[in-house]
PDB file of N, CA and C in Angstrom:
ATOM      1  N   UNK A   1     -25.538  17.803 -12.683  1.00  0.00           N
ATOM      2  CA  UNK A   1     -24.502  18.722 -13.114  1.00  0.00           C
ATOM      3  C   UNK A   1     -23.300  17.912 -13.600  1.00  0.00           C
ATOM      4  N   UNK A   2     -22.824  18.224 -14.747  1.00  0.00           N
ATOM      5  CA  UNK A   2     -21.678  17.503 -15.303  1.00  0.00           C
ATOM      6  C   UNK A   2     -20.428  18.362 -15.210  1.00  0.00           C
ATOM      7  N   UNK A   3     -19.314  17.689 -15.175  1.00  0.00           N
ATOM      8  CA  UNK A   3     -18.031  18.370 -15.066  1.00  0.00           C
ATOM      9  C   UNK A   3     -17.340  18.363 -16.422  1.00  0.00           C
ATOM     10  N   UNK A   4     -16.587  19.406 -16.687  1.00  0.00           N
ATOM     11  CA  UNK A   4     -15.805  19.472 -17.918  1.00  0.00           C
ATOM     12  C   UNK A   4     -14.458  18.781 -17.781  1.00  0.00           C
ATOM     13  N   UNK A   5     -14.155  18.317 -16.570  1.00  0.00           N
ATOM     14  CA  UNK A   5     -12.877  17.659 -16.321  1.00  0.00           C
ATOM     15  C   UNK A   5     -12.989  16.177 -16.666  1.00  0.00           C
ATOM     16  N   UNK A   6     -11.933  15.617 -17.243  1.00  0.00           N
ATOM     17  CA  UNK A   6     -11.977  14.184 -17.548  1.00  0.00           C
ATOM     18  C   UNK A   6     -11.958  13.370 -16.259  1.00  0.00           C
ATOM     19  N   UNK A   7     -12.611  12.218 -16.292  1.00  0.00           N
ATOM     20  CA  UNK A   7     -12.597  11.335 -15.121  1.00  0.00           C
ATOM     21  C   UNK A   7     -11.229  10.674 -15.034  1.00  0.00           C
ATOM     22  N   UNK A   8     -10.675  10.687 -13.851  1.00  0.00           N
ATOM     23  CA  UNK A   8      -9.363  10.078 -13.634  1.00  0.00           C
ATOM     24  C   UNK A   8      -9.519   8.890 -12.698  1.00  0.00           C
ATOM     25  N   UNK A   9      -8.780   7.834 -13.000  1.00  0.00           N
ATOM     26  CA  UNK A   9      -8.778   6.686 -12.104  1.00  0.00           C
ATOM     27  C   UNK A   9      -7.737   6.907 -11.021  1.00  0.00           C
ATOM     28  N   UNK A  10      -8.130   6.626  -9.817  1.00  0.00           N
ATOM     29  CA  UNK A  10      -7.216   6.741  -8.691  1.00  0.00           C
ATOM     30  C   UNK A  10      -6.273   5.546  -8.719  1.00  0.00           C
ATOM     31  N   UNK A  11      -4.987   5.810  -8.637  1.00  0.00           N
ATOM     32  CA  UNK A  11      -4.001   4.737  -8.594  1.00  0.00           C
ATOM     33  C   UNK A  11      -3.914   4.228  -7.163  1.00  0.00           C
ATOM     34  N   UNK A  12      -4.041   2.919  -7.003  1.00  0.00           N
ATOM     35  CA  UNK A  12      -4.032   2.326  -5.669  1.00  0.00           C
ATOM     36  C   UNK A  12      -3.151   1.084  -5.660  1.00  0.00           C
ATOM     37  N   UNK A  13      -2.757   0.697  -4.453  1.00  0.00           N
ATOM     38  CA  UNK A  13      -2.136  -0.604  -4.232  1.00  0.00           C
ATOM     39  C   UNK A  13      -3.052  -1.346  -3.260  1.00  0.00           C
ATOM     40  N   UNK A  14      -3.051  -2.667  -3.351  1.00  0.00           N
ATOM     41  CA  UNK A  14      -3.975  -3.470  -2.549  1.00  0.00           C
ATOM     42  C   UNK A  14      -3.216  -4.498  -1.732  1.00  0.00           C
ATOM     43  N   UNK A  15      -3.553  -4.546  -0.461  1.00  0.00           N
ATOM     44  CA  UNK A  15      -2.972  -5.546   0.427  1.00  0.00           C
ATOM     45  C   UNK A  15      -3.717  -6.857   0.247  1.00  0.00           C
ATOM     46  N   UNK A  16      -3.060  -7.947   0.599  1.00  0.00           N
ATOM     47  CA  UNK A  16      -3.698  -9.261   0.503  1.00  0.00           C
ATOM     48  C   UNK A  16      -4.916  -9.373   1.421  1.00  0.00           C
ATOM     49  N   UNK A  17      -5.007  -8.510   2.441  1.00  0.00           N
ATOM     50  CA  UNK A  17      -6.154  -8.542   3.348  1.00  0.00           C
ATOM     51  C   UNK A  17      -7.347  -7.771   2.780  1.00  0.00           C
ATOM     52  N   UNK A  18      -7.134  -7.065   1.669  1.00  0.00           N
ATOM     53  CA  UNK A  18      -8.221  -6.323   1.041  1.00  0.00           C
ATOM     54  C   UNK A  18      -8.140  -4.818   1.202  1.00  0.00           C
ATOM     55  N   UNK A  19      -7.277  -4.336   2.073  1.00  0.00           N
ATOM     56  CA  UNK A  19      -7.135  -2.899   2.261  1.00  0.00           C
ATOM     57  C   UNK A  19      -6.590  -2.254   0.995  1.00  0.00           C
ATOM     58  N   UNK A  20      -7.198  -1.142   0.611  1.00  0.00           N
ATOM     59  CA  UNK A  20      -6.771  -0.394  -0.567  1.00  0.00           C
ATOM     60  C   UNK A  20      -6.077   0.879  -0.094  1.00  0.00           C
ATOM     61  N   UNK A  21      -4.864   1.107  -0.571  1.00  0.00           N
ATOM     62  CA  UNK A  21      -4.091   2.291  -0.205  1.00  0.00           C
ATOM     63  C   UNK A  21      -3.908   3.141  -1.452  1.00  0.00           C
ATOM     64  N   UNK A  22      -4.442   4.384  -1.447  1.00  0.00           N
ATOM     65  CA  UNK A  22      -4.253   5.241  -2.622  1.00  0.00           C
ATOM     66  C   UNK A  22      -2.800   5.687  -2.744  1.00  0.00           C
ATOM     67  N   UNK A  23      -2.296   5.703  -3.957  1.00  0.00           N
ATOM     68  CA  UNK A  23      -0.938   6.170  -4.211  1.00  0.00           C
ATOM     69  C   UNK A  23      -1.015   7.684  -4.369  1.00  0.00           C
ATOM     70  N   UNK A  24      -0.438   8.384  -3.392  1.00  0.00           N
ATOM     71  CA  UNK A  24      -0.481   9.843  -3.375  1.00  0.00           C
ATOM     72  C   UNK A  24       0.906  10.407  -3.628  1.00  0.00           C
ATOM     73  N   UNK A  25       0.975  11.650  -4.118  1.00  0.00           N
ATOM     74  CA  UNK A  25       2.286  12.244  -4.417  1.00  0.00           C
ATOM     75  C   UNK A  25       3.160  12.506  -3.189  1.00  0.00           C
ATOM     76  N   UNK A  26       2.562  12.623  -2.019  1.00  0.00           N
ATOM     77  CA  UNK A  26       3.333  12.872  -0.800  1.00  0.00           C
ATOM     78  C   UNK A  26       3.969  11.556  -0.351  1.00  0.00           C
ATOM     79  N   UNK A  27       5.196  11.342  -0.780  1.00  0.00           N
ATOM     80  CA  UNK A  27       5.892  10.079  -0.547  1.00  0.00           C
ATOM     81  C   UNK A  27       6.044   9.776   0.942  1.00  0.00           C
ATOM     82  N   UNK A  28       6.291  10.793   1.738  1.00  0.00           N
ATOM     83  CA  UNK A  28       6.458  10.582   3.178  1.00  0.00           C
ATOM     84  C   UNK A  28       5.164  10.044   3.804  1.00  0.00           C
ATOM     85  N   UNK A  29       4.037  10.644   3.462  1.00  0.00           N
ATOM     86  CA  UNK A  29       2.753  10.191   4.009  1.00  0.00           C
ATOM     87  C   UNK A  29       2.395   8.808   3.479  1.00  0.00           C
ATOM     88  N   UNK A  30       2.678   8.563   2.217  1.00  0.00           N
ATOM     89  CA  UNK A  30       2.395   7.259   1.627  1.00  0.00           C
ATOM     90  C   UNK A  30       3.213   6.177   2.338  1.00  0.00           C
ATOM     91  N   UNK A  31       4.489   6.442   2.549  1.00  0.00           N
ATOM     92  CA  UNK A  31       5.348   5.489   3.254  1.00  0.00           C
ATOM     93  C   UNK A  31       4.867   5.219   4.669  1.00  0.00           C
ATOM     94  N   UNK A  32       4.422   6.275   5.356  1.00  0.00           N
ATOM     95  CA  UNK A  32       3.909   6.104   6.723  1.00  0.00           C
ATOM     96  C   UNK A  32       2.632   5.269   6.736  1.00  0.00           C
ATOM     97  N   UNK A  33       1.764   5.482   5.741  1.00  0.00           N
ATOM     98  CA  UNK A  33       0.523   4.705   5.657  1.00  0.00           C
ATOM     99  C   UNK A  33       0.825   3.224   5.427  1.00  0.00           C
ATOM    100  N   UNK A  34       1.765   2.960   4.537  1.00  0.00           N
ATOM    101  CA  UNK A  34       2.145   1.567   4.259  1.00  0.00           C
ATOM    102  C   UNK A  34       2.785   0.946   5.493  1.00  0.00           C
ATOM    103  N   UNK A  35       3.710   1.658   6.123  1.00  0.00           N
ATOM    104  CA  UNK A  35       4.380   1.136   7.321  1.00  0.00           C
ATOM    105  C   UNK A  35       3.388   0.871   8.453  1.00  0.00           C
ATOM    106  N   UNK A  36       2.411   1.752   8.631  1.00  0.00           N
ATOM    107  CA  UNK A  36       1.400   1.565   9.673  1.00  0.00           C
ATOM    108  C   UNK A  36       0.578   0.307   9.399  1.00  0.00           C
ATOM    109  N   UNK A  37       0.251   0.083   8.137  1.00  0.00           N
ATOM    110  CA  UNK A  37      -0.525  -1.114   7.808  1.00  0.00           C
ATOM    111  C   UNK A  37       0.313  -2.377   8.009  1.00  0.00           C
ATOM    112  N   UNK A  38       1.569  -2.323   7.658  1.00  0.00           N
ATOM    113  CA  UNK A  38       2.461  -3.461   7.885  1.00  0.00           C
ATOM    114  C   UNK A  38       2.526  -3.780   9.380  1.00  0.00           C
ATOM    115  N   UNK A  39       2.605  -2.747  10.189  1.00  0.00           N
ATOM    116  CA  UNK A  39       2.661  -2.930  11.647  1.00  0.00           C
ATOM    117  C   UNK A  39       1.384  -3.605  12.162  1.00  0.00           C
ATOM    118  N   UNK A  40       0.233  -3.264  11.570  1.00  0.00           N
ATOM    119  CA  UNK A  40      -1.025  -3.911  11.960  1.00  0.00           C
ATOM    120  C   UNK A  40      -0.947  -5.418  11.719  1.00  0.00           C
ATOM    121  N   UNK A  41      -0.420  -5.806  10.579  1.00  0.00           N
ATOM    122  CA  UNK A  41      -0.281  -7.237  10.286  1.00  0.00           C
ATOM    123  C   UNK A  41       0.685  -7.891  11.263  1.00  0.00           C
ATOM    124  N   UNK A  42       1.738  -7.187  11.578  1.00  0.00           N
ATOM    125  CA  UNK A  42       2.768  -7.721  12.482  1.00  0.00           C
ATOM    126  C   UNK A  42       2.191  -7.991  13.870  1.00  0.00           C
ATOM    127  N   UNK A  43       1.371  -7.068  14.349  1.00  0.00           N
ATOM    128  CA  UNK A  43       0.837  -7.206  15.710  1.00  0.00           C
ATOM    129  C   UNK A  43      -0.363  -8.147  15.787  1.00  0.00           C
ATOM    130  N   UNK A  44      -0.960  -8.505  14.651  1.00  0.00           N
ATOM    131  CA  UNK A  44      -2.085  -9.450  14.647  1.00  0.00           C
ATOM    132  C   UNK A  44      -1.631 -10.858  14.999  1.00  0.00           C
ATOM    133  N   UNK A  45      -0.390 -11.175  14.685  1.00  0.00           N
ATOM    134  CA  UNK A  45       0.135 -12.517  14.943  1.00  0.00           C
ATOM    135  C   UNK A  45       0.489 -12.674  16.424  1.00  0.00           C
ATOM    136  N   UNK A  46       0.124 -13.811  17.005  1.00  0.00           N
ATOM    137  CA  UNK A  46       0.449 -14.085  18.408  1.00  0.00           C
ATOM    138  C   UNK A  46       1.928 -14.413  18.581  1.00  0.00           C
ATOM    139  N   UNK A  47       2.495 -15.040  17.595  1.00  0.00           N
ATOM    140  CA  UNK A  47       3.897 -15.431  17.621  1.00  0.00           C
ATOM    141  C   UNK A  47       4.716 -14.331  16.936  1.00  0.00           C
ATOM    142  N   UNK A  48       5.717 -13.779  17.638  1.00  0.00           N
ATOM    143  CA  UNK A  48       6.487 -12.660  17.088  1.00  0.00           C
ATOM    144  C   UNK A  48       7.243 -13.039  15.815  1.00  0.00           C
ATOM    145  N   UNK A  49       7.716 -14.280  15.720  1.00  0.00           N
ATOM    146  CA  UNK A  49       8.433 -14.676  14.504  1.00  0.00           C
ATOM    147  C   UNK A  49       7.472 -14.755  13.321  1.00  0.00           C
ATOM    148  N   UNK A  50       6.237 -15.208  13.552  1.00  0.00           N
ATOM    149  CA  UNK A  50       5.232 -15.220  12.487  1.00  0.00           C
ATOM    150  C   UNK A  50       4.865 -13.789  12.096  1.00  0.00           C
ATOM    151  N   UNK A  51       4.838 -12.904  13.085  1.00  0.00           N
ATOM    152  CA  UNK A  51       4.554 -11.497  12.813  1.00  0.00           C
ATOM    153  C   UNK A  51       5.616 -10.868  11.938  1.00  0.00           C
ATOM    154  N   UNK A  52       6.872 -11.197  12.196  1.00  0.00           N
ATOM    155  CA  UNK A  52       7.972 -10.683  11.375  1.00  0.00           C
ATOM    156  C   UNK A  52       7.890 -11.206   9.946  1.00  0.00           C
ATOM    157  N   UNK A  53       7.556 -12.474   9.815  1.00  0.00           N
ATOM    158  CA  UNK A  53       7.425 -13.068   8.480  1.00  0.00           C
ATOM    159  C   UNK A  53       6.273 -12.417   7.717  1.00  0.00           C
ATOM    160  N   UNK A  54       5.146 -12.230   8.396  1.00  0.00           N
ATOM    161  CA  UNK A  54       3.989 -11.580   7.766  1.00  0.00           C
ATOM    162  C   UNK A  54       4.332 -10.148   7.369  1.00  0.00           C
ATOM    163  N   UNK A  55       5.023  -9.438   8.254  1.00  0.00           N
ATOM    164  CA  UNK A  55       5.392  -8.050   7.974  1.00  0.00           C
ATOM    165  C   UNK A  55       6.298  -7.962   6.750  1.00  0.00           C
ATOM    166  N   UNK A  56       7.258  -8.863   6.643  1.00  0.00           N
ATOM    167  CA  UNK A  56       8.164  -8.852   5.475  1.00  0.00           C
ATOM    168  C   UNK A  56       7.398  -9.151   4.194  1.00  0.00           C
ATOM    169  N   UNK A  57       6.501 -10.137   4.266  1.00  0.00           N
ATOM    170  CA  UNK A  57       5.715 -10.501   3.087  1.00  0.00           C
ATOM    171  C   UNK A  57       4.837  -9.331   2.628  1.00  0.00           C
ATOM    172  N   UNK A  58       4.164  -8.690   3.569  1.00  0.00           N
ATOM    173  CA  UNK A  58       3.290  -7.549   3.253  1.00  0.00           C
ATOM    174  C   UNK A  58       4.128  -6.393   2.714  1.00  0.00           C
ATOM    175  N   UNK A  59       5.264  -6.122   3.353  1.00  0.00           N
ATOM    176  CA  UNK A  59       6.171  -5.053   2.918  1.00  0.00           C
ATOM    177  C   UNK A  59       6.594  -5.272   1.474  1.00  0.00           C
ATOM    178  N   UNK A  60       7.085  -6.471   1.186  1.00  0.00           N
ATOM    179  CA  UNK A  60       7.561  -6.779  -0.164  1.00  0.00           C
ATOM    180  C   UNK A  60       6.442  -6.652  -1.188  1.00  0.00           C
ATOM    181  N   UNK A  61       5.256  -7.123  -0.819  1.00  0.00           N
ATOM    182  CA  UNK A  61       4.124  -7.067  -1.732  1.00  0.00           C
ATOM    183  C   UNK A  61       3.684  -5.630  -2.009  1.00  0.00           C
ATOM    184  N   UNK A  62       3.483  -4.836  -0.957  1.00  0.00           N
ATOM    185  CA  UNK A  62       2.988  -3.470  -1.140  1.00  0.00           C
ATOM    186  C   UNK A  62       4.012  -2.582  -1.851  1.00  0.00           C
ATOM    187  N   UNK A  63       5.253  -2.635  -1.422  1.00  0.00           N
ATOM    188  CA  UNK A  63       6.264  -1.801  -2.071  1.00  0.00           C
ATOM    189  C   UNK A  63       6.557  -2.298  -3.491  1.00  0.00           C
ATOM    190  N   UNK A  64       6.440  -3.600  -3.722  1.00  0.00           N
ATOM    191  CA  UNK A  64       6.588  -4.127  -5.078  1.00  0.00           C
ATOM    192  C   UNK A  64       5.510  -3.578  -6.006  1.00  0.00           C
ATOM    193  N   UNK A  65       4.262  -3.566  -5.502  1.00  0.00           N
ATOM    194  CA  UNK A  65       3.170  -2.991  -6.289  1.00  0.00           C
ATOM    195  C   UNK A  65       3.421  -1.507  -6.554  1.00  0.00           C
ATOM    196  N   UNK A  66       3.873  -0.805  -5.524  1.00  0.00           N
ATOM    197  CA  UNK A  66       4.105   0.629  -5.638  1.00  0.00           C
ATOM    198  C   UNK A  66       5.176   0.925  -6.693  1.00  0.00           C
ATOM    199  N   UNK A  67       6.294   0.218  -6.648  1.00  0.00           N
ATOM    200  CA  UNK A  67       7.359   0.445  -7.623  1.00  0.00           C
ATOM    201  C   UNK A  67       6.900   0.107  -9.039  1.00  0.00           C
ATOM    202  N   UNK A  68       6.071  -0.937  -9.177  1.00  0.00           N
ATOM    203  CA  UNK A  68       5.554  -1.281 -10.495  1.00  0.00           C
ATOM    204  C   UNK A  68       4.646  -0.163 -11.010  1.00  0.00           C
ATOM    205  N   UNK A  69       3.779   0.381 -10.155  1.00  0.00           N
ATOM    206  CA  UNK A  69       2.881   1.462 -10.574  1.00  0.00           C
ATOM    207  C   UNK A  69       3.696   2.690 -11.001  1.00  0.00           C
ATOM    208  N   UNK A  70       4.718   3.013 -10.218  1.00  0.00           N
ATOM    209  CA  UNK A  70       5.567   4.169 -10.560  1.00  0.00           C
ATOM    210  C   UNK A  70       6.266   3.907 -11.894  1.00  0.00           C
ATOM    211  N   UNK A  71       6.773   2.712 -12.082  1.00  0.00           N
ATOM    212  CA  UNK A  71       7.449   2.367 -13.334  1.00  0.00           C
ATOM    213  C   UNK A  71       6.484   2.464 -14.518  1.00  0.00           C
ATOM    214  N   UNK A  72       5.245   2.046 -14.330  1.00  0.00           N
ATOM    215  CA  UNK A  72       4.252   2.104 -15.405  1.00  0.00           C
ATOM    216  C   UNK A  72       3.934   3.559 -15.790  1.00  0.00           C
ATOM    217  N   UNK A  73       3.981   4.444 -14.822  1.00  0.00           N
ATOM    218  CA  UNK A  73       3.681   5.856 -15.074  1.00  0.00           C
ATOM    219  C   UNK A  73       4.814   6.506 -15.861  1.00  0.00           C
ATOM    220  N   UNK A  74       6.049   6.185 -15.481  1.00  0.00           N
ATOM    221  CA  UNK A  74       7.204   6.825 -16.110  1.00  0.00           C
ATOM    222  C   UNK A  74       7.834   5.869 -17.071  1.00  0.00           C
TER     223      UNK A  74
END
C-alpha cells in the first residue's frame, strides 16, 4: 500500500556517543530530553569535575546543533 503523502525526513541532533534525539515542536519536552541525556553523561564520570566538563561539552554540542537546525529551517 502506498501513501499519497510525501516522505519527510525527521530532523534530529546527534550526541557524540551516538544517541539520536529527534527535534520535536514541543520545546519543553525537547529541552527535558536533552537535559536528561546531558545528566547521563555527567553521572558516567567518576570524577565530578570531569562530569561537569563532559556535561558542558555535550550541552554546547547538542544545543549548538539544535540552534543550527532551527536557523536552517527559518
